Amino acid sequence: MILGTVMGTVVSTRKCRNLVGFKLLLVEPYYGDKKNIFVAADTIGAGIGELVLVTTDDTTQYALDRSAPVDAYIVGIVDGPPQLGK
């Protein structure tokens, strides 16, 4: 799972019918290489600037309620920044 910040949206007027209903968001990882921004699908209503939990790779399909060509999916919106060392 990846912790990241939503940086923007991706607009796609033409896409696979299985992607209809997903909002596509640009996510910047909270840790590691900040230049490694990726696209994640969202159905829970995350917005720009929010800290989110993203599931990736094979585990993504377990979080989806239908089959879709998605390899990164937002599964949670974090209430605040992580508290390290407490």
C-alpha atoms as a PDB file:
ATOM      1  CA  MET A   1       0.000   0.000   0.000  1.00  0.00           C
ATOM      2  CA  ILE A   2       1.199   3.510  -0.786  1.00  0.00           C
ATOM      3  CA  LEU A   3       0.535   6.724   1.104  1.00  0.00           C
ATOM      4  CA  GLY A   4       0.311   9.683  -1.265  1.00  0.00           C
ATOM      5  CA  THR A   5      -1.103  13.127  -1.985  1.00  0.00           C
ATOM      6  CA  VAL A   6      -3.623  13.760  -4.758  1.00  0.00           C
ATOM      7  CA  MET A   7      -2.012  16.298  -7.105  1.00  0.00           C
ATOM      8  CA  GLY A   8      -4.565  16.542  -9.901  1.00  0.00           C
ATOM      9  CA  THR A   9      -6.994  14.761 -12.182  1.00  0.00           C
ATOM     10  CA  VAL A  10      -6.764  12.967 -15.492  1.00  0.00           C
ATOM     11  CA  VAL A  11      -9.526  13.666 -18.018  1.00  0.00           C
ATOM     12  CA  SER A  12     -10.311  10.951 -20.540  1.00  0.00           C
ATOM     13  CA  THR A  13     -13.371  11.423 -22.729  1.00  0.00           C
ATOM     14  CA  ARG A  14     -12.809   8.080 -24.447  1.00  0.00           C
ATOM     15  CA  LYS A  15     -11.899   5.054 -22.361  1.00  0.00           C
ATOM     16  CA  CYS A  16     -12.575   1.376 -21.820  1.00  0.00           C
ATOM     17  CA  ARG A  17     -16.206   0.889 -20.750  1.00  0.00           C
ATOM     18  CA  ASN A  18     -15.006  -0.878 -17.565  1.00  0.00           C
ATOM     19  CA  LEU A  19     -13.382   2.410 -16.474  1.00  0.00           C
ATOM     20  CA  VAL A  20     -16.636   4.379 -16.663  1.00  0.00           C
ATOM     21  CA  GLY A  21     -17.508   5.583 -13.161  1.00  0.00           C
ATOM     22  CA  PHE A  22     -13.921   5.777 -11.931  1.00  0.00           C
ATOM     23  CA  LYS A  23     -12.342   9.182 -11.315  1.00  0.00           C
ATOM     24  CA  LEU A  24      -8.680   9.096 -12.377  1.00  0.00           C
ATOM     25  CA  LEU A  25      -6.334  11.018 -10.077  1.00  0.00           C
ATOM     26  CA  LEU A  26      -2.638  11.882 -10.142  1.00  0.00           C
ATOM     27  CA  VAL A  27      -0.993  10.741  -6.888  1.00  0.00           C
ATOM     28  CA  GLU A  28       2.438  11.780  -5.603  1.00  0.00           C
ATOM     29  CA  PRO A  29       3.982   9.319  -3.104  1.00  0.00           C
ATOM     30  CA  TYR A  30       4.350  10.743   0.436  1.00  0.00           C
ATOM     31  CA  TYR A  31       7.625   8.847   0.922  1.00  0.00           C
ATOM     32  CA  GLY A  32      10.426   8.051  -1.516  1.00  0.00           C
ATOM     33  CA  ASP A  33      10.806   9.505  -5.005  1.00  0.00           C
ATOM     34  CA  LYS A  34       8.361  12.422  -5.245  1.00  0.00           C
ATOM     35  CA  LYS A  35       8.882  12.590  -9.031  1.00  0.00           C
ATOM     36  CA  ASN A  36       7.267   9.165  -9.412  1.00  0.00           C
ATOM     37  CA  ILE A  37       3.672  10.461  -9.813  1.00  0.00           C
ATOM     38  CA  PHE A  38       1.167   7.818 -10.919  1.00  0.00           C
ATOM     39  CA  VAL A  39      -2.518   7.540 -11.857  1.00  0.00           C
ATOM     40  CA  ALA A  40      -4.943   5.881  -9.437  1.00  0.00           C
ATOM     41  CA  ALA A  41      -8.636   5.149  -9.880  1.00  0.00           C
ATOM     42  CA  ASP A  42     -11.034   6.492  -7.263  1.00  0.00           C
ATOM     43  CA  THR A  43     -14.663   5.935  -6.317  1.00  0.00           C
ATOM     44  CA  ILE A  44     -14.634   7.208  -2.711  1.00  0.00           C
ATOM     45  CA  GLY A  45     -14.421  10.911  -3.562  1.00  0.00           C
ATOM     46  CA  ALA A  46     -10.815  11.902  -2.879  1.00  0.00           C
ATOM     47  CA  GLY A  47      -9.887  15.432  -3.897  1.00  0.00           C
ATOM     48  CA  ILE A  48      -6.810  17.450  -4.799  1.00  0.00           C
ATOM     49  CA  GLY A  49      -4.512  17.975  -1.819  1.00  0.00           C
ATOM     50  CA  GLU A  50      -5.858  15.065   0.210  1.00  0.00           C
ATOM     51  CA  LEU A  51      -3.619  12.365   1.685  1.00  0.00           C
ATOM     52  CA  VAL A  52      -4.785   8.948   0.454  1.00  0.00           C
ATOM     53  CA  LEU A  53      -4.054   5.231   0.829  1.00  0.00           C
ATOM     54  CA  VAL A  54      -3.535   3.474  -2.495  1.00  0.00           C
ATOM     55  CA  THR A  55      -3.450  -0.249  -3.136  1.00  0.00           C
ATOM     56  CA  THR A  56      -1.379  -1.317  -6.139  1.00  0.00           C
ATOM     57  CA  ASP A  57      -0.559  -4.259  -8.385  1.00  0.00           C
ATOM     58  CA  ASP A  58      -2.346  -7.613  -7.957  1.00  0.00           C
ATOM     59  CA  THR A  59      -4.106  -6.660  -4.708  1.00  0.00           C
ATOM     60  CA  THR A  60      -5.996  -3.860  -6.455  1.00  0.00           C
ATOM     61  CA  GLN A  61      -8.515  -6.273  -7.990  1.00  0.00           C
ATOM     62  CA  TYR A  62      -9.623  -7.358  -4.477  1.00  0.00           C
ATOM     63  CA  ALA A  63     -10.707  -3.781  -3.689  1.00  0.00           C
ATOM     64  CA  LEU A  64     -12.767  -3.275  -6.858  1.00  0.00           C
ATOM     65  CA  ASP A  65     -16.469  -4.100  -6.964  1.00  0.00           C
ATOM     66  CA  ARG A  66     -16.198  -4.990 -10.674  1.00  0.00           C
ATOM     67  CA  SER A  67     -13.493  -6.101 -13.097  1.00  0.00           C
ATOM     68  CA  ALA A  68     -11.521  -3.159 -14.526  1.00  0.00           C
ATOM     69  CA  PRO A  69      -8.030  -2.586 -15.991  1.00  0.00           C
ATOM     70  CA  VAL A  70      -6.789  -0.773 -12.865  1.00  0.00           C
ATOM     71  CA  ASP A  71      -3.438  -1.322 -11.128  1.00  0.00           C
ATOM     72  CA  ALA A  72      -3.687   1.511  -8.558  1.00  0.00           C
ATOM     73  CA  TYR A  73      -6.869   2.221  -6.583  1.00  0.00           C
ATOM     74  CA  ILE A  74      -7.568   4.674  -3.769  1.00  0.00           C
ATOM     75  CA  VAL A  75      -8.932   2.739  -0.791  1.00  0.00           C
ATOM     76  CA  GLY A  76      -8.876   5.430   1.898  1.00  0.00           C
ATOM     77  CA  ILE A  77      -8.608   9.126   2.682  1.00  0.00           C
ATOM     78  CA  VAL A  78      -6.233   9.785   5.592  1.00  0.00           C
ATOM     79  CA  ASP A  79      -7.456  12.183   8.302  1.00  0.00           C
ATOM     80  CA  GLY A  80      -4.035  13.715   8.980  1.00  0.00           C
ATOM     81  CA  PRO A  81      -0.299  13.388   8.361  1.00  0.00           C
ATOM     82  CA  PRO A  82       1.388  10.229   9.659  1.00  0.00           C
ATOM     83  CA  GLN A  83       2.712  10.389  13.214  1.00  0.00           C
ATOM     84  CA  LEU A  84       6.180   8.834  13.204  1.00  0.00           C
ATOM     85  CA  GLY A  85       7.960   7.805  16.366  1.00  0.00           C
ATOM     86  CA  LYS A  86       4.974   8.048  18.701  1.00  0.00           C
END
